[in-house]
């Protein structure tokens, strides 16, 4: 019998705690060693874990016949977020960080707090789900701590445009594959912020896009540094 996921049970709370603690531990290692090589190693490990976890997950679900290819496309927002945070870590580009920040804090964080996941620990799907989602958040916070990256007011506009591009591409994909990527067609089964939206379509999809934009705007204010201390935007 497969273990059932218990929201805010011990395994879930442990995962949330590790997501908070790990980026500070990794950043402390970088601060203590003051070694760019150590920082690159940490970035390499984080990137490898995210990529390998994704590949292994696809292999497992395909080998067990639990999904068809139409349901295995990298079209979830967290799939795109994984790519963006990896690129941001390796390139050190502020614009890539902005997208990773808002998609990670405004989007992926919701998946960690209210996961649409029926499987509990130690099921491999539980481990894979939280490895991918928590890994994105850890990468974003790690960049904020080690490189002092922060989003700017104009970041919201730029990321909004990228998000709208994602919504359009994903909505078309949903219609072609008859699958609910990005939860654009209907609400997830698990309770989340999307549960408060309308049940009717297309009002649900429109309000989904609006609420996602609002989450990005609100996540702008989670920073703990004053604007006067921020480096100038490039």
Protein backbone atom coordinates (compact mmCIF):
# COMPACT_ATOMS: atom_id res chain seq x y z
CA UNK A 1 0.00 0.00 0.00
CA UNK A 2 1.40 3.37 -1.03
CA UNK A 3 1.91 5.88 1.81
CA UNK A 4 -0.54 8.78 1.67
CA UNK A 5 0.70 12.35 1.80
CA UNK A 6 -0.18 14.18 5.00
CA UNK A 7 -0.05 17.98 4.68
CA UNK A 8 2.20 19.41 7.37
CA UNK A 9 2.96 16.01 8.77
CA UNK A 10 6.48 15.29 10.01
CA UNK A 11 7.97 14.51 6.55
CA UNK A 12 6.40 17.63 5.03
CA UNK A 13 7.57 19.88 7.88
CA UNK A 14 11.04 18.35 7.64
CA UNK A 15 11.20 19.20 3.94
CA UNK A 16 10.08 22.78 4.59
CA UNK A 17 12.68 23.15 7.36
CA UNK A 18 15.47 21.84 5.13
CA UNK A 19 14.42 24.24 2.38
CA UNK A 20 14.85 27.13 4.82
CA UNK A 21 18.09 25.94 6.42
CA UNK A 22 20.08 24.52 3.48
CA UNK A 23 20.67 27.74 1.49
CA UNK A 24 22.01 29.43 4.62
CA UNK A 25 24.31 26.49 5.33
CA UNK A 26 25.60 26.48 1.76
CA UNK A 27 26.05 30.26 1.80
CA UNK A 28 27.91 30.03 5.12
CA UNK A 29 30.34 27.56 3.54
CA UNK A 30 31.01 30.03 0.72
CA UNK A 31 31.44 32.93 3.15
CA UNK A 32 33.80 30.94 5.36
CA UNK A 33 36.00 29.57 2.60
CA UNK A 34 35.82 32.71 0.41
CA UNK A 35 36.59 30.39 -2.47
CA UNK A 36 35.01 30.85 -5.92
CA UNK A 37 35.83 27.21 -6.60
CA UNK A 38 33.77 26.07 -3.61
CA UNK A 39 30.89 28.22 -4.82
CA UNK A 40 31.12 26.63 -8.27
CA UNK A 41 31.14 23.16 -6.73
CA UNK A 42 27.98 23.94 -4.77
CA UNK A 43 26.31 25.34 -7.89
CA UNK A 44 27.39 22.24 -9.81
CA UNK A 45 25.96 19.91 -7.19
CA UNK A 46 22.65 21.80 -7.02
CA UNK A 47 22.38 21.79 -10.82
CA UNK A 48 23.25 18.10 -11.09
CA UNK A 49 20.71 17.15 -8.43
CA UNK A 50 17.95 19.06 -10.21
CA UNK A 51 18.74 17.65 -13.65
CA UNK A 52 19.34 14.06 -12.52
CA UNK A 53 16.20 14.09 -10.40
CA UNK A 54 14.16 15.21 -13.40
CA UNK A 55 15.68 12.61 -15.74
CA UNK A 56 15.30 9.77 -13.23
CA UNK A 57 11.69 10.78 -12.59
CA UNK A 58 10.88 10.58 -16.31
CA UNK A 59 12.60 7.19 -16.60
CA UNK A 60 10.69 5.81 -13.62
CA UNK A 61 7.22 6.90 -14.67
CA UNK A 62 7.84 5.76 -18.24
CA UNK A 63 9.23 2.37 -17.22
CA UNK A 64 6.27 1.76 -14.92
CA UNK A 65 3.80 2.74 -17.61
CA UNK A 66 2.15 5.32 -15.34
CA UNK A 67 2.17 8.08 -17.95
CA UNK A 68 2.10 8.63 -21.70
CA UNK A 69 4.42 11.02 -23.49
CA UNK A 70 1.75 13.74 -23.71
CA UNK A 71 1.81 13.86 -19.91
CA UNK A 72 5.61 13.93 -19.62
CA UNK A 73 6.40 17.20 -21.39
CA UNK A 74 8.45 19.82 -19.48
CA UNK A 75 5.56 22.26 -19.39
CA UNK A 76 4.96 22.75 -15.68
CA UNK A 77 6.04 26.16 -14.41
CA UNK A 78 8.49 24.44 -12.06
CA UNK A 79 10.10 22.68 -15.05
CA UNK A 80 10.80 26.06 -16.59
CA UNK A 81 11.82 27.41 -13.21
CA UNK A 82 14.39 24.64 -12.85
CA UNK A 83 16.03 25.62 -16.13
CA UNK A 84 15.97 29.31 -15.25
CA UNK A 85 17.55 28.91 -11.80
CA UNK A 86 20.31 26.70 -13.21
CA UNK A 87 21.09 29.26 -15.90
CA UNK A 88 21.01 32.05 -13.30
CA UNK A 89 23.45 30.22 -11.04
CA UNK A 90 25.93 29.50 -13.82
CA UNK A 91 25.76 32.80 -15.70
CA UNK A 92 25.32 35.14 -12.76
CA UNK A 93 22.92 37.15 -14.91
CA UNK A 94 20.58 39.49 -12.99
CA UNK A 95 17.75 39.10 -15.52
CA UNK A 96 17.78 35.32 -15.25
CA UNK A 97 17.78 35.67 -11.47
CA UNK A 98 14.71 37.89 -11.61
CA UNK A 99 12.70 35.23 -13.41
CA UNK A 100 14.00 32.51 -11.09
CA UNK A 101 13.13 34.64 -8.06
CA UNK A 102 9.53 35.39 -8.98
CA UNK A 103 8.78 31.96 -10.38
CA UNK A 104 10.51 30.33 -7.41
CA UNK A 105 9.14 32.46 -4.57
CA UNK A 106 5.83 33.34 -6.21
CA UNK A 107 5.14 29.97 -7.81
CA UNK A 108 7.27 27.05 -6.67
CA UNK A 109 6.90 28.01 -3.01
CA UNK A 110 3.15 27.46 -3.33
CA UNK A 111 3.83 23.92 -4.55
CA UNK A 112 6.03 23.24 -1.52
CA UNK A 113 3.50 24.60 0.98
CA UNK A 114 0.38 23.14 -0.67
CA UNK A 115 1.60 20.30 -2.91
CA UNK A 116 -0.73 18.56 -5.33
CA UNK A 117 0.77 15.23 -4.29
CA UNK A 118 -1.06 12.08 -3.13
CA UNK A 119 2.10 10.14 -2.25
CA UNK A 120 3.77 10.36 1.15
CA UNK A 121 7.29 9.64 2.34
CA UNK A 122 9.20 7.43 1.57
CA UNK A 123 7.53 7.00 -1.83
CA UNK A 124 10.00 7.92 -4.60
CA UNK A 125 7.49 10.38 -6.07
CA UNK A 126 7.41 12.29 -2.78
CA UNK A 127 11.20 12.49 -2.78
CA UNK A 128 11.40 13.50 -6.44
CA UNK A 129 8.66 16.13 -6.13
CA UNK A 130 10.26 17.94 -3.22
CA UNK A 131 13.78 17.55 -4.57
CA UNK A 132 12.82 19.48 -7.70
CA UNK A 133 10.65 22.13 -6.08
CA UNK A 134 12.79 22.75 -3.00
CA UNK A 135 15.94 22.71 -5.13
CA UNK A 136 14.66 25.70 -7.10
CA UNK A 137 13.98 27.71 -3.94
CA UNK A 138 17.34 26.74 -2.43
CA UNK A 139 19.09 27.92 -5.60
CA UNK A 140 17.27 31.27 -5.57
CA UNK A 141 17.96 31.99 -1.89
CA UNK A 142 21.58 30.85 -2.31
CA UNK A 143 22.06 33.49 -5.03
CA UNK A 144 20.45 36.14 -2.85
CA UNK A 145 22.79 35.32 0.03
CA UNK A 146 26.07 34.83 -1.82
CA UNK A 147 25.76 37.34 -4.67
CA UNK A 148 23.29 39.74 -3.05
CA UNK A 149 20.98 39.60 -6.05
CA UNK A 150 17.63 41.30 -5.58
CA UNK A 151 14.68 42.03 -7.86
CA UNK A 152 13.98 45.62 -8.85
CA UNK A 153 10.61 47.33 -9.42
CA UNK A 154 11.01 46.93 -13.20
CA UNK A 155 11.73 43.24 -12.67
CA UNK A 156 8.01 42.69 -12.17
CA UNK A 157 7.26 43.98 -15.66
CA UNK A 158 9.96 41.87 -17.31
CA UNK A 159 8.95 38.69 -15.47
CA UNK A 160 5.28 39.39 -16.14
CA UNK A 161 6.00 39.30 -19.88
CA UNK A 162 7.92 36.03 -19.54
CA UNK A 163 5.08 34.60 -17.47
CA UNK A 164 2.50 35.57 -20.07
CA UNK A 165 4.64 33.85 -22.70
CA UNK A 166 4.66 30.73 -20.51
CA UNK A 167 0.88 30.89 -20.04
CA UNK A 168 0.23 31.15 -23.79
CA UNK A 169 2.60 28.30 -24.72
CA UNK A 170 1.30 26.10 -21.92
CA UNK A 171 -2.35 26.79 -22.64
CA UNK A 172 -1.86 25.75 -26.27
CA UNK A 173 -0.02 22.64 -25.09
CA UNK A 174 -2.85 21.82 -22.68
CA UNK A 175 -5.39 22.00 -25.47
CA UNK A 176 -3.29 19.84 -27.80
CA UNK A 177 -2.45 17.17 -25.20
CA UNK A 178 -5.63 17.38 -23.11
CA UNK A 179 -3.47 17.65 -19.99
CA UNK A 180 -3.57 20.24 -17.22
CA UNK A 181 -0.05 21.67 -17.35
CA UNK A 182 0.31 24.72 -15.14
CA UNK A 183 -3.21 24.04 -13.81
CA UNK A 184 -4.53 26.34 -16.52
CA UNK A 185 -7.56 24.21 -17.42
CA UNK A 186 -8.83 23.41 -13.93
CA UNK A 187 -7.82 23.54 -10.28
CA UNK A 188 -5.45 21.01 -8.72
CA UNK A 189 -7.01 18.36 -6.51
CA UNK A 190 -5.09 19.49 -3.43
CA UNK A 191 -6.05 22.68 -1.61
CA UNK A 192 -4.00 25.68 -2.68
CA UNK A 193 -4.35 29.38 -3.43
CA UNK A 194 -6.00 28.33 -6.71
CA UNK A 195 -8.86 26.79 -4.71
CA UNK A 196 -10.22 30.29 -4.10
CA UNK A 197 -10.63 31.00 -7.81
CA UNK A 198 -13.77 30.61 -9.89
CA UNK A 199 -14.84 27.15 -11.03
CA UNK A 200 -16.07 28.38 -14.41
CA UNK A 201 -13.90 28.57 -17.52
CA UNK A 202 -12.50 30.85 -18.94
CA UNK A 203 -12.90 32.96 -15.79
CA UNK A 204 -10.76 30.46 -13.89
CA UNK A 205 -7.86 30.71 -16.36
CA UNK A 206 -8.05 34.50 -16.44
CA UNK A 207 -8.09 34.76 -12.65
CA UNK A 208 -5.27 32.21 -12.47
CA UNK A 209 -3.05 34.44 -14.60
CA UNK A 210 -4.02 37.48 -12.51
CA UNK A 211 -3.36 35.73 -9.19
CA UNK A 212 0.03 34.53 -10.44
CA UNK A 213 0.96 38.10 -11.33
CA UNK A 214 -0.21 39.27 -7.92
CA UNK A 215 1.94 36.64 -6.21
CA UNK A 216 4.95 37.91 -8.13
CA UNK A 217 4.17 41.47 -7.06
CA UNK A 218 3.84 40.48 -3.41
CA UNK A 219 7.00 38.37 -3.44
CA UNK A 220 8.86 41.56 -4.37
CA UNK A 221 8.39 42.67 -0.77
CA UNK A 222 9.97 39.62 0.88
CA UNK A 223 13.41 41.18 0.58
CA UNK A 224 15.06 42.24 3.79
CA UNK A 225 17.42 44.91 2.46
CA UNK A 226 16.57 48.56 1.99
CA UNK A 227 16.36 49.81 -1.59
CA UNK A 228 19.13 52.29 -0.86
CA UNK A 229 21.54 49.43 -0.30
CA UNK A 230 20.81 47.79 -3.65
CA UNK A 231 23.30 47.98 -6.53
CA UNK A 232 22.16 49.93 -9.53
CA UNK A 233 20.21 48.07 -12.19
CA UNK A 234 22.09 47.34 -15.34
